[in-house]
Amino acid sequence: MNYDLDKASEAYGKFLEALGFKNWKENPHMKDTPKRVAKSFVLDLFQGCYQEKLDVTAFPNVDKYDGMVFQGNIDLNSMCSHHVLPFIGKAHVAYIPSPDGKVIGLSKLNRIVEWFARRPQVQENLTMQIHDYINKICEGNLGVAVLIEASHMCACVRGVKHDSTMKTSKLSGEFLSNQEVREEFYNFIRDLKR
């Protein structure tokens, strides 16, 4: 996706004027705001839209590990596509490699969450995107689980103005069909909160 920082800055300046901030250029605290806002969207908030495709290498499961691979409390910062306000929280992800399947480095789970989070979307779609990518890259896995819990600024600072937490999950394979596996995943998450 291409972008034009100058046009985005100019458009944001016009947006400020449309909101009644006619003298933003004379205000020492706002005169560079349009440029700062445009840069923050490209370099941070929507970064995942502008970065090259995520490159995660999967490796053969040479040790035949057949337990759960879990990474929890992954920082998650994203933007709601409805109101272009942040939602911030934690992601918990897991997969079960098959003895003949593929595995990835643990930090790659964090990288996957980060890459998909840095774009405008709704939390439900983000949960599915992370799940589906892990499911694809960890070939032959026996199941993938993703749980996201986040606070949405669109609910906290506007509308109902309540500070609450939204939880979404996407489970597949053993996480759906095996109660013990599902409970182990949720216990790992509970243990992080003690």
Protein backbone atom coordinates (compact mmCIF):
# COMPACT_ATOMS: atom_id res chain seq x y z
CA MET A 1 0.00 0.00 0.00
CA ASN A 2 1.37 3.42 -0.97
CA TYR A 3 1.06 6.60 1.06
CA ASP A 4 1.74 10.31 0.66
CA LEU A 5 2.69 12.02 3.93
CA ASP A 6 2.35 15.52 2.45
CA LYS A 7 -1.20 14.91 1.21
CA ALA A 8 -2.16 13.18 4.47
CA SER A 9 -0.77 16.13 6.49
CA GLU A 10 -2.64 18.63 4.32
CA ALA A 11 -5.88 16.66 4.67
CA TYR A 12 -5.52 16.49 8.45
CA GLY A 13 -4.96 20.25 8.56
CA LYS A 14 -8.24 20.70 6.66
CA PHE A 15 -9.91 18.26 9.06
CA LEU A 16 -8.79 20.41 12.01
CA GLU A 17 -10.18 23.49 10.28
CA ALA A 18 -13.49 21.72 9.60
CA LEU A 19 -13.69 21.01 13.34
CA GLY A 20 -13.33 24.74 14.06
CA PHE A 21 -9.59 24.96 14.75
CA LYS A 22 -9.08 27.70 12.17
CA ASN A 23 -5.88 29.01 13.75
CA TRP A 24 -4.08 25.71 14.31
CA LYS A 25 -1.13 26.98 12.22
CA GLU A 26 -0.56 29.84 14.69
CA ASN A 27 -0.89 27.64 17.78
CA PRO A 28 2.64 26.57 18.85
CA HIS A 29 1.27 23.27 20.18
CA MET A 30 -0.66 22.40 17.00
CA LYS A 31 1.30 23.91 14.10
CA ASP A 32 3.09 20.60 13.36
CA THR A 33 0.20 18.36 14.43
CA PRO A 34 -0.95 17.35 10.90
CA LYS A 35 2.53 16.13 10.01
CA ARG A 36 2.95 14.33 13.36
CA VAL A 37 -0.43 12.63 12.95
CA ALA A 38 0.33 11.48 9.40
CA LYS A 39 3.72 10.10 10.46
CA SER A 40 2.24 8.33 13.48
CA PHE A 41 -0.26 6.50 11.27
CA VAL A 42 2.39 5.34 8.80
CA LEU A 43 5.22 4.59 11.24
CA ASP A 44 3.19 3.21 14.14
CA LEU A 45 -0.59 2.90 14.15
CA PHE A 46 -1.10 1.44 10.64
CA GLN A 47 2.47 0.18 10.26
CA GLY A 48 1.37 -3.34 9.34
CA CYS A 49 -0.29 -1.99 6.18
CA TYR A 50 2.97 -0.47 4.93
CA GLN A 51 5.55 -3.03 5.99
CA GLU A 52 6.67 -5.71 3.63
CA LYS A 53 4.97 -9.05 3.97
CA LEU A 54 5.62 -10.80 7.25
CA ASP A 55 8.49 -13.25 6.86
CA VAL A 56 8.29 -16.10 9.36
CA THR A 57 10.30 -19.23 8.72
CA ALA A 58 8.94 -22.56 9.92
CA PHE A 59 11.26 -25.46 10.66
CA PRO A 60 10.74 -29.22 10.69
CA ASN A 61 9.87 -30.53 14.15
CA VAL A 62 13.07 -32.58 14.37
CA ASP A 63 12.64 -33.30 18.09
CA LYS A 64 9.08 -34.55 17.49
CA TYR A 65 7.74 -32.23 20.20
CA ASP A 66 4.03 -32.90 20.66
CA GLY A 67 3.09 -30.59 23.54
CA MET A 68 1.55 -27.15 23.49
CA VAL A 69 3.62 -24.14 22.45
CA PHE A 70 2.18 -21.13 24.31
CA GLN A 71 3.07 -17.46 24.36
CA GLY A 72 0.96 -15.24 26.60
CA ASN A 73 0.61 -11.62 27.59
CA ILE A 74 1.77 -10.40 24.19
CA ASP A 75 1.29 -6.63 24.09
CA LEU A 76 -1.37 -5.70 21.58
CA ASN A 77 -1.98 -2.20 20.20
CA SER A 78 -4.42 -1.83 17.35
CA MET A 79 -6.92 0.62 15.88
CA CYS A 80 -10.66 0.14 15.58
CA SER A 81 -11.71 0.70 11.99
CA HIS A 82 -15.12 2.01 13.07
CA HIS A 83 -13.96 5.11 14.97
CA VAL A 84 -10.19 5.09 14.31
CA LEU A 85 -9.50 4.89 18.02
CA PRO A 86 -7.08 2.48 19.71
CA PHE A 87 -7.83 -0.80 21.37
CA ILE A 88 -5.11 -2.01 23.68
CA GLY A 89 -4.65 -5.27 25.48
CA LYS A 90 -3.00 -8.68 25.48
CA ALA A 91 -2.94 -11.62 23.11
CA HIS A 92 -2.43 -15.23 24.14
CA VAL A 93 -1.56 -17.69 21.39
CA ALA A 94 -0.76 -21.38 21.25
CA TYR A 95 -0.36 -24.23 18.81
CA ILE A 96 0.33 -27.94 19.02
CA PRO A 97 2.85 -29.17 16.46
CA SER A 98 2.53 -32.65 15.09
CA PRO A 99 5.67 -34.81 15.27
CA ASP A 100 6.02 -34.51 11.49
CA GLY A 101 4.85 -30.88 11.25
CA LYS A 102 6.54 -27.50 11.40
CA VAL A 103 7.46 -25.24 14.33
CA ILE A 104 8.45 -21.58 14.54
CA GLY A 105 10.64 -19.60 16.92
CA LEU A 106 8.81 -18.39 20.02
CA SER A 107 9.44 -14.69 19.32
CA LYS A 108 7.75 -15.15 15.95
CA LEU A 109 4.40 -15.52 17.73
CA ASN A 110 4.91 -12.01 19.11
CA ARG A 111 5.91 -10.75 15.68
CA ILE A 112 2.78 -12.25 14.09
CA VAL A 113 0.54 -10.54 16.66
CA GLU A 114 2.34 -7.21 16.19
CA TRP A 115 2.22 -7.31 12.39
CA PHE A 116 -1.50 -8.06 12.18
CA ALA A 117 -2.39 -5.65 15.01
CA ARG A 118 -0.85 -2.58 13.40
CA ARG A 119 -3.73 -1.77 11.02
CA PRO A 120 -7.36 -0.60 11.21
CA GLN A 121 -9.78 -3.46 11.96
CA VAL A 122 -12.19 -4.95 14.44
CA GLN A 123 -10.95 -7.26 17.18
CA GLU A 124 -12.88 -10.26 15.86
CA ASN A 125 -11.07 -10.08 12.51
CA LEU A 126 -7.69 -9.58 14.18
CA THR A 127 -8.24 -12.73 16.23
CA MET A 128 -9.02 -14.75 13.11
CA GLN A 129 -6.10 -13.29 11.11
CA ILE A 130 -3.59 -14.29 13.78
CA HIS A 131 -5.13 -17.75 14.12
CA ASP A 132 -5.21 -18.39 10.38
CA TYR A 133 -1.62 -17.25 9.84
CA ILE A 134 -0.27 -19.49 12.61
CA ASN A 135 -2.39 -22.35 11.28
CA LYS A 136 -0.89 -21.86 7.81
CA ILE A 137 2.76 -21.36 8.78
CA CYS A 138 2.88 -24.21 11.33
CA GLU A 139 2.10 -26.88 8.76
CA GLY A 140 0.55 -30.09 10.01
CA ASN A 141 -0.31 -28.65 13.43
CA LEU A 142 -2.85 -30.35 15.67
CA GLY A 143 -4.58 -27.13 16.67
CA VAL A 144 -4.22 -23.38 17.13
CA ALA A 145 -5.67 -21.14 19.84
CA VAL A 146 -5.81 -17.34 20.00
CA LEU A 147 -7.42 -15.30 22.76
CA ILE A 148 -7.37 -11.49 22.76
CA GLU A 149 -8.53 -9.29 25.62
CA ALA A 150 -8.53 -5.55 25.00
CA SER A 151 -9.93 -2.23 26.14
CA HIS A 152 -11.47 -0.17 23.37
CA MET A 153 -11.14 3.59 23.51
CA CYS A 154 -14.30 3.89 21.39
CA ALA A 155 -16.18 2.45 24.39
CA CYS A 156 -14.09 4.15 27.10
CA VAL A 157 -13.92 7.77 25.89
CA ARG A 158 -17.01 8.08 23.68
CA GLY A 159 -20.44 6.50 23.43
CA VAL A 160 -21.17 4.56 26.61
CA LYS A 161 -17.92 5.77 28.28
CA HIS A 162 -17.33 2.52 30.16
CA ASP A 163 -13.95 1.02 30.89
CA SER A 164 -14.48 -2.62 29.99
CA THR A 165 -12.61 -5.50 28.40
CA MET A 166 -13.59 -7.29 25.22
CA LYS A 167 -12.47 -10.91 24.79
CA THR A 168 -12.40 -12.81 21.52
CA SER A 169 -11.07 -16.27 20.80
CA LYS A 170 -10.53 -18.57 17.85
CA LEU A 171 -9.78 -22.23 18.52
CA SER A 172 -9.25 -25.13 16.15
CA GLY A 173 -8.16 -28.76 16.17
CA GLU A 174 -7.41 -30.23 19.60
CA PHE A 175 -8.31 -26.94 21.27
CA LEU A 176 -11.89 -27.46 20.11
CA SER A 177 -12.24 -31.22 20.31
CA ASN A 178 -10.24 -32.00 23.46
CA GLN A 179 -11.50 -30.53 26.74
CA GLU A 180 -8.17 -31.16 28.52
CA VAL A 181 -6.17 -29.32 25.87
CA ARG A 182 -8.60 -26.40 25.90
CA GLU A 183 -8.44 -26.25 29.72
CA GLU A 184 -4.63 -26.33 29.64
CA PHE A 185 -4.64 -23.30 27.33
CA TYR A 186 -6.99 -21.35 29.59
CA ASN A 187 -5.03 -22.42 32.70
CA PHE A 188 -1.83 -21.06 31.15
CA ILE A 189 -3.62 -17.72 30.73
CA ARG A 190 -4.99 -17.79 34.30
CA ASP A 191 -1.50 -18.57 35.66
CA LEU A 192 -0.18 -15.37 34.06
CA LYS A 193 -2.65 -13.33 36.10
CA ARG A 194 -1.75 -14.70 39.52
